[in-house]
């Protein structure tokens, strides 16, 4: 039997950015790896976490392509066959220079779901990956002047992502998980999550992943 594959598609929260100092959390605390450990092996975890990635918007200040909708089709083809895609994006959409709107992030997430639904990278094109939409924890107030300015207005908007993503999941037949039920953003920068929080996100996603994959 072929090993099942999970593609974890996200931004710095998936990459494992540490709000305390800006480094990277140790391997075992990053949520994709915590998910793999909780599933107990037998599942391939592919982590595609790019710092600054958006759902479907360009960031012209970046040296890398951060538009999640533009890159996802290539990654689905690269890692085919993919059985489950976990989408955890939207925090960077809160930047007013990028989008600045929870509704815009929801629309971008809808685009990502459609890309997954239309994935033809499998040998058997009748097989489509299951999808879980994850709402990142809302942003919080921070004394970090640059982050506060970069995400101006984002705290209020980000609080709407959970309900908007939940409705989108119902609309599209996806799984849904609200990461704010197990983790909080750190006031050190207002955006990122401490090591324990990222680990808890991975552990909390395991039951739904287990159910969707049938493993």
C-alpha atoms as a PDB file:
ATOM      1  CA  UNK A   1       0.000   0.000   0.000  1.00  0.00           C
ATOM      2  CA  UNK A   2       1.270   3.481  -0.896  1.00  0.00           C
ATOM      3  CA  UNK A   3       2.220   5.753   2.013  1.00  0.00           C
ATOM      4  CA  UNK A   4      -0.248   8.621   2.443  1.00  0.00           C
ATOM      5  CA  UNK A   5       1.106  12.141   1.944  1.00  0.00           C
ATOM      6  CA  UNK A   6       0.159  15.382   3.703  1.00  0.00           C
ATOM      7  CA  UNK A   7       1.181  18.741   2.248  1.00  0.00           C
ATOM      8  CA  UNK A   8       1.317  21.434   4.944  1.00  0.00           C
ATOM      9  CA  UNK A   9       1.058  24.708   3.059  1.00  0.00           C
ATOM     10  CA  UNK A  10       1.607  27.894   4.979  1.00  0.00           C
ATOM     11  CA  UNK A  11       3.726  30.874   5.937  1.00  0.00           C
ATOM     12  CA  UNK A  12       6.095  31.633   8.818  1.00  0.00           C
ATOM     13  CA  UNK A  13       3.713  29.957  11.274  1.00  0.00           C
ATOM     14  CA  UNK A  14       4.297  26.728   9.342  1.00  0.00           C
ATOM     15  CA  UNK A  15       8.013  27.398   8.870  1.00  0.00           C
ATOM     16  CA  UNK A  16       8.265  27.781  12.641  1.00  0.00           C
ATOM     17  CA  UNK A  17       9.244  31.428  13.248  1.00  0.00           C
ATOM     18  CA  UNK A  18      10.111  32.134  16.866  1.00  0.00           C
ATOM     19  CA  UNK A  19       8.695  35.468  18.095  1.00  0.00           C
ATOM     20  CA  UNK A  20      11.497  35.630  20.650  1.00  0.00           C
ATOM     21  CA  UNK A  21      14.521  36.566  18.582  1.00  0.00           C
ATOM     22  CA  UNK A  22      13.229  35.752  15.121  1.00  0.00           C
ATOM     23  CA  UNK A  23      14.883  32.353  14.724  1.00  0.00           C
ATOM     24  CA  UNK A  24      13.233  29.028  13.992  1.00  0.00           C
ATOM     25  CA  UNK A  25      11.615  26.680  16.493  1.00  0.00           C
ATOM     26  CA  UNK A  26      13.282  23.284  16.944  1.00  0.00           C
ATOM     27  CA  UNK A  27      12.126  20.596  14.520  1.00  0.00           C
ATOM     28  CA  UNK A  28       9.828  18.733  16.904  1.00  0.00           C
ATOM     29  CA  UNK A  29       7.872  21.871  17.870  1.00  0.00           C
ATOM     30  CA  UNK A  30       6.914  22.966  14.341  1.00  0.00           C
ATOM     31  CA  UNK A  31       3.298  22.002  13.803  1.00  0.00           C
ATOM     32  CA  UNK A  32       3.768  19.812  10.691  1.00  0.00           C
ATOM     33  CA  UNK A  33       6.347  17.706  12.515  1.00  0.00           C
ATOM     34  CA  UNK A  34       4.221  17.548  15.657  1.00  0.00           C
ATOM     35  CA  UNK A  35       1.360  16.361  13.440  1.00  0.00           C
ATOM     36  CA  UNK A  36       3.528  13.636  11.952  1.00  0.00           C
ATOM     37  CA  UNK A  37       4.614  12.483  15.400  1.00  0.00           C
ATOM     38  CA  UNK A  38       1.015  12.409  16.616  1.00  0.00           C
ATOM     39  CA  UNK A  39      -0.020  10.295  13.623  1.00  0.00           C
ATOM     40  CA  UNK A  40       2.601   7.768  14.658  1.00  0.00           C
ATOM     41  CA  UNK A  41       4.457   7.325  11.397  1.00  0.00           C
ATOM     42  CA  UNK A  42       3.326   5.739   8.161  1.00  0.00           C
ATOM     43  CA  UNK A  43       2.462   9.172   6.735  1.00  0.00           C
ATOM     44  CA  UNK A  44       4.794  11.411   4.739  1.00  0.00           C
ATOM     45  CA  UNK A  45       4.707  15.028   5.946  1.00  0.00           C
ATOM     46  CA  UNK A  46       5.762  17.659   3.418  1.00  0.00           C
ATOM     47  CA  UNK A  47       6.303  21.095   4.935  1.00  0.00           C
ATOM     48  CA  UNK A  48       5.965  24.035   2.567  1.00  0.00           C
ATOM     49  CA  UNK A  49       6.196  27.017   4.904  1.00  0.00           C
ATOM     50  CA  UNK A  50       7.379  30.259   3.321  1.00  0.00           C
ATOM     51  CA  UNK A  51       7.764  33.317   5.520  1.00  0.00           C
ATOM     52  CA  UNK A  52       5.519  36.104   4.277  1.00  0.00           C
ATOM     53  CA  UNK A  53       3.382  33.861   2.054  1.00  0.00           C
ATOM     54  CA  UNK A  54      -0.130  35.150   1.339  1.00  0.00           C
ATOM     55  CA  UNK A  55      -3.209  33.299   0.193  1.00  0.00           C
ATOM     56  CA  UNK A  56      -3.315  34.815  -3.286  1.00  0.00           C
ATOM     57  CA  UNK A  57      -1.705  38.269  -3.210  1.00  0.00           C
ATOM     58  CA  UNK A  58       1.599  39.621  -4.503  1.00  0.00           C
ATOM     59  CA  UNK A  59       4.196  41.150  -2.206  1.00  0.00           C
ATOM     60  CA  UNK A  60       6.352  43.390  -4.343  1.00  0.00           C
ATOM     61  CA  UNK A  61       8.794  44.044  -1.504  1.00  0.00           C
ATOM     62  CA  UNK A  62       9.918  40.431  -1.355  1.00  0.00           C
ATOM     63  CA  UNK A  63      12.746  38.742  -3.239  1.00  0.00           C
ATOM     64  CA  UNK A  64      10.703  35.519  -3.311  1.00  0.00           C
ATOM     65  CA  UNK A  65       7.292  34.815  -4.792  1.00  0.00           C
ATOM     66  CA  UNK A  66       4.935  34.902  -1.825  1.00  0.00           C
ATOM     67  CA  UNK A  67       1.681  34.486  -3.785  1.00  0.00           C
ATOM     68  CA  UNK A  68       0.294  31.200  -2.476  1.00  0.00           C
ATOM     69  CA  UNK A  69      -2.152  30.719  -5.338  1.00  0.00           C
ATOM     70  CA  UNK A  70       0.579  31.020  -7.946  1.00  0.00           C
ATOM     71  CA  UNK A  71       2.893  28.471  -6.325  1.00  0.00           C
ATOM     72  CA  UNK A  72       0.430  25.843  -5.099  1.00  0.00           C
ATOM     73  CA  UNK A  73      -0.249  24.146  -8.486  1.00  0.00           C
ATOM     74  CA  UNK A  74       3.471  23.566  -9.014  1.00  0.00           C
ATOM     75  CA  UNK A  75       3.911  22.151  -5.512  1.00  0.00           C
ATOM     76  CA  UNK A  76       0.963  19.799  -5.922  1.00  0.00           C
ATOM     77  CA  UNK A  77       2.605  18.519  -9.072  1.00  0.00           C
ATOM     78  CA  UNK A  78       6.051  18.344  -7.460  1.00  0.00           C
ATOM     79  CA  UNK A  79       4.875  16.249  -4.515  1.00  0.00           C
ATOM     80  CA  UNK A  80       2.200  14.185  -6.285  1.00  0.00           C
ATOM     81  CA  UNK A  81       0.305  12.239  -5.287  1.00  0.00           C
ATOM     82  CA  UNK A  82      -0.891  14.306  -2.332  1.00  0.00           C
ATOM     83  CA  UNK A  83      -3.692  12.844  -0.205  1.00  0.00           C
ATOM     84  CA  UNK A  84      -4.312  15.754   2.157  1.00  0.00           C
ATOM     85  CA  UNK A  85      -3.534  19.462   1.913  1.00  0.00           C
ATOM     86  CA  UNK A  86      -3.598  21.522   5.101  1.00  0.00           C
ATOM     87  CA  UNK A  87      -3.883  25.233   4.303  1.00  0.00           C
ATOM     88  CA  UNK A  88      -2.829  27.607   7.084  1.00  0.00           C
ATOM     89  CA  UNK A  89      -2.585  31.065   5.578  1.00  0.00           C
ATOM     90  CA  UNK A  90      -4.118  34.506   5.968  1.00  0.00           C
ATOM     91  CA  UNK A  91      -2.011  36.285   8.584  1.00  0.00           C
ATOM     92  CA  UNK A  92       0.121  38.077   5.998  1.00  0.00           C
ATOM     93  CA  UNK A  93      -2.994  39.096   4.083  1.00  0.00           C
ATOM     94  CA  UNK A  94      -3.750  41.345   7.065  1.00  0.00           C
ATOM     95  CA  UNK A  95      -0.946  43.724   6.054  1.00  0.00           C
ATOM     96  CA  UNK A  96      -2.670  46.805   4.586  1.00  0.00           C
ATOM     97  CA  UNK A  97      -0.037  46.947   1.832  1.00  0.00           C
ATOM     98  CA  UNK A  98      -1.012  43.398   0.805  1.00  0.00           C
ATOM     99  CA  UNK A  99      -4.774  43.190   1.370  1.00  0.00           C
ATOM    100  CA  UNK A 100      -5.738  44.315   4.873  1.00  0.00           C
ATOM    101  CA  UNK A 101      -9.077  42.527   4.849  1.00  0.00           C
ATOM    102  CA  UNK A 102     -10.351  39.286   6.361  1.00  0.00           C
ATOM    103  CA  UNK A 103     -12.813  38.967   3.494  1.00  0.00           C
ATOM    104  CA  UNK A 104      -9.947  39.270   1.030  1.00  0.00           C
ATOM    105  CA  UNK A 105      -8.069  36.514   2.854  1.00  0.00           C
ATOM    106  CA  UNK A 106     -11.176  34.314   2.756  1.00  0.00           C
ATOM    107  CA  UNK A 107     -11.473  34.881  -0.992  1.00  0.00           C
ATOM    108  CA  UNK A 108      -7.809  33.998  -1.396  1.00  0.00           C
ATOM    109  CA  UNK A 109      -8.333  30.838   0.640  1.00  0.00           C
ATOM    110  CA  UNK A 110     -11.277  29.942  -1.583  1.00  0.00           C
ATOM    111  CA  UNK A 111      -8.939  30.197  -4.564  1.00  0.00           C
ATOM    112  CA  UNK A 112      -6.480  27.799  -2.895  1.00  0.00           C
ATOM    113  CA  UNK A 113      -9.237  25.283  -2.214  1.00  0.00           C
ATOM    114  CA  UNK A 114     -10.294  25.425  -5.869  1.00  0.00           C
ATOM    115  CA  UNK A 115      -6.712  24.736  -6.936  1.00  0.00           C
ATOM    116  CA  UNK A 116      -6.637  21.648  -4.707  1.00  0.00           C
ATOM    117  CA  UNK A 117     -10.011  20.500  -6.003  1.00  0.00           C
ATOM    118  CA  UNK A 118      -8.802  20.835  -9.602  1.00  0.00           C
ATOM    119  CA  UNK A 119      -5.488  19.091  -8.971  1.00  0.00           C
ATOM    120  CA  UNK A 120      -4.706  16.789 -11.898  1.00  0.00           C
ATOM    121  CA  UNK A 121      -1.193  15.854 -10.845  1.00  0.00           C
ATOM    122  CA  UNK A 122      -2.113  12.348  -9.700  1.00  0.00           C
ATOM    123  CA  UNK A 123      -1.576   9.300 -11.861  1.00  0.00           C
ATOM    124  CA  UNK A 124      -5.273   8.656 -11.340  1.00  0.00           C
ATOM    125  CA  UNK A 125      -6.904  12.042 -11.918  1.00  0.00           C
ATOM    126  CA  UNK A 126     -10.119  10.817 -10.325  1.00  0.00           C
ATOM    127  CA  UNK A 127      -8.333  11.090  -6.968  1.00  0.00           C
ATOM    128  CA  UNK A 128      -8.330  14.537  -5.378  1.00  0.00           C
ATOM    129  CA  UNK A 129      -6.640  15.538  -2.117  1.00  0.00           C
ATOM    130  CA  UNK A 130      -8.727  16.160   0.957  1.00  0.00           C
ATOM    131  CA  UNK A 131      -8.366  19.694   2.325  1.00  0.00           C
ATOM    132  CA  UNK A 132      -8.274  21.141   5.843  1.00  0.00           C
ATOM    133  CA  UNK A 133      -8.556  24.915   6.213  1.00  0.00           C
ATOM    134  CA  UNK A 134      -6.813  26.223   9.324  1.00  0.00           C
ATOM    135  CA  UNK A 135      -7.576  29.688  10.663  1.00  0.00           C
ATOM    136  CA  UNK A 136      -4.383  31.113  12.211  1.00  0.00           C
ATOM    137  CA  UNK A 137      -4.682  32.633  15.677  1.00  0.00           C
ATOM    138  CA  UNK A 138      -5.675  36.314  15.505  1.00  0.00           C
ATOM    139  CA  UNK A 139      -2.916  38.892  15.625  1.00  0.00           C
ATOM    140  CA  UNK A 140      -2.436  40.717  18.908  1.00  0.00           C
ATOM    141  CA  UNK A 141      -1.172  44.099  20.021  1.00  0.00           C
ATOM    142  CA  UNK A 142       2.608  44.429  20.232  1.00  0.00           C
ATOM    143  CA  UNK A 143       5.186  46.959  21.349  1.00  0.00           C
ATOM    144  CA  UNK A 144       7.316  46.054  18.326  1.00  0.00           C
ATOM    145  CA  UNK A 145       6.945  49.264  16.317  1.00  0.00           C
ATOM    146  CA  UNK A 146       7.764  47.791  12.915  1.00  0.00           C
ATOM    147  CA  UNK A 147       5.413  44.832  13.240  1.00  0.00           C
ATOM    148  CA  UNK A 148       2.665  47.055  14.645  1.00  0.00           C
ATOM    149  CA  UNK A 149       2.945  49.389  11.666  1.00  0.00           C
ATOM    150  CA  UNK A 150       3.286  46.564   9.143  1.00  0.00           C
ATOM    151  CA  UNK A 151       0.024  44.993  10.354  1.00  0.00           C
ATOM    152  CA  UNK A 152      -1.845  48.224  11.150  1.00  0.00           C
ATOM    153  CA  UNK A 153      -5.559  47.444  11.493  1.00  0.00           C
ATOM    154  CA  UNK A 154      -4.859  43.733  11.251  1.00  0.00           C
ATOM    155  CA  UNK A 155      -5.736  42.773  14.812  1.00  0.00           C
ATOM    156  CA  UNK A 156      -9.422  43.515  14.361  1.00  0.00           C
ATOM    157  CA  UNK A 157      -9.581  42.045  10.868  1.00  0.00           C
ATOM    158  CA  UNK A 158      -7.754  38.855  11.866  1.00  0.00           C
ATOM    159  CA  UNK A 159     -10.382  38.126  14.518  1.00  0.00           C
ATOM    160  CA  UNK A 160     -12.876  37.548  11.692  1.00  0.00           C
ATOM    161  CA  UNK A 161     -10.842  34.831   9.985  1.00  0.00           C
ATOM    162  CA  UNK A 162     -12.126  31.988  12.159  1.00  0.00           C
ATOM    163  CA  UNK A 163     -15.792  32.480  11.318  1.00  0.00           C
ATOM    164  CA  UNK A 164     -15.131  33.308   7.661  1.00  0.00           C
ATOM    165  CA  UNK A 165     -12.942  30.244   7.180  1.00  0.00           C
ATOM    166  CA  UNK A 166     -15.459  28.043   8.989  1.00  0.00           C
ATOM    167  CA  UNK A 167     -18.183  29.180   6.595  1.00  0.00           C
ATOM    168  CA  UNK A 168     -15.856  28.609   3.643  1.00  0.00           C
ATOM    169  CA  UNK A 169     -15.120  25.081   4.842  1.00  0.00           C
ATOM    170  CA  UNK A 170     -18.865  24.365   4.999  1.00  0.00           C
ATOM    171  CA  UNK A 171     -19.313  25.850   1.533  1.00  0.00           C
ATOM    172  CA  UNK A 172     -16.516  23.805  -0.028  1.00  0.00           C
ATOM    173  CA  UNK A 173     -16.764  20.566   1.941  1.00  0.00           C
ATOM    174  CA  UNK A 174     -13.369  20.958   3.604  1.00  0.00           C
ATOM    175  CA  UNK A 175     -12.274  20.165   7.109  1.00  0.00           C
ATOM    176  CA  UNK A 176     -11.814  23.162   9.389  1.00  0.00           C
ATOM    177  CA  UNK A 177      -9.715  23.879  12.443  1.00  0.00           C
ATOM    178  CA  UNK A 178      -9.436  27.120  14.400  1.00  0.00           C
ATOM    179  CA  UNK A 179      -5.873  27.282  15.705  1.00  0.00           C
ATOM    180  CA  UNK A 180      -6.866  29.887  18.289  1.00  0.00           C
ATOM    181  CA  UNK A 181      -8.487  27.083  20.287  1.00  0.00           C
ATOM    182  CA  UNK A 182      -5.010  25.787  21.217  1.00  0.00           C
ATOM    183  CA  UNK A 183      -2.552  28.631  20.547  1.00  0.00           C
ATOM    184  CA  UNK A 184      -2.143  32.399  20.802  1.00  0.00           C
ATOM    185  CA  UNK A 185       0.079  34.874  19.003  1.00  0.00           C
ATOM    186  CA  UNK A 186       2.857  36.365  21.083  1.00  0.00           C
ATOM    187  CA  UNK A 187       2.853  40.052  22.075  1.00  0.00           C
ATOM    188  CA  UNK A 188       6.597  40.032  21.360  1.00  0.00           C
ATOM    189  CA  UNK A 189       5.772  40.675  17.696  1.00  0.00           C
ATOM    190  CA  UNK A 190       1.972  40.263  17.559  1.00  0.00           C
ATOM    191  CA  UNK A 191       2.110  37.650  14.782  1.00  0.00           C
ATOM    192  CA  UNK A 192       4.054  34.522  15.635  1.00  0.00           C
ATOM    193  CA  UNK A 193       3.474  31.697  18.125  1.00  0.00           C
ATOM    194  CA  UNK A 194       5.704  30.226  20.796  1.00  0.00           C
ATOM    195  CA  UNK A 195       7.067  26.699  20.512  1.00  0.00           C
ATOM    196  CA  UNK A 196       4.451  25.076  22.756  1.00  0.00           C
ATOM    197  CA  UNK A 197       1.635  26.679  20.777  1.00  0.00           C
ATOM    198  CA  UNK A 198       2.891  25.514  17.400  1.00  0.00           C
ATOM    199  CA  UNK A 199       3.328  22.007  18.752  1.00  0.00           C
ATOM    200  CA  UNK A 200      -0.228  21.998  20.076  1.00  0.00           C
ATOM    201  CA  UNK A 201      -1.588  22.972  16.655  1.00  0.00           C
ATOM    202  CA  UNK A 202       0.022  19.910  15.108  1.00  0.00           C
ATOM    203  CA  UNK A 203      -1.236  17.605  17.824  1.00  0.00           C
ATOM    204  CA  UNK A 204      -4.759  19.019  17.580  1.00  0.00           C
ATOM    205  CA  UNK A 205      -4.890  18.471  13.815  1.00  0.00           C
ATOM    206  CA  UNK A 206      -4.012  14.783  14.108  1.00  0.00           C
ATOM    207  CA  UNK A 207      -7.534  13.387  14.763  1.00  0.00           C
ATOM    208  CA  UNK A 208      -9.014  15.141  11.722  1.00  0.00           C
ATOM    209  CA  UNK A 209      -6.073  14.139   9.517  1.00  0.00           C
ATOM    210  CA  UNK A 210      -6.395  10.568  10.743  1.00  0.00           C
ATOM    211  CA  UNK A 211     -10.080  10.533   9.870  1.00  0.00           C
ATOM    212  CA  UNK A 212      -9.661  12.060   6.396  1.00  0.00           C
ATOM    213  CA  UNK A 213      -6.754   9.810   5.468  1.00  0.00           C
ATOM    214  CA  UNK A 214      -8.216   6.642   6.935  1.00  0.00           C
ATOM    215  CA  UNK A 215      -4.929   5.761   8.622  1.00  0.00           C
END
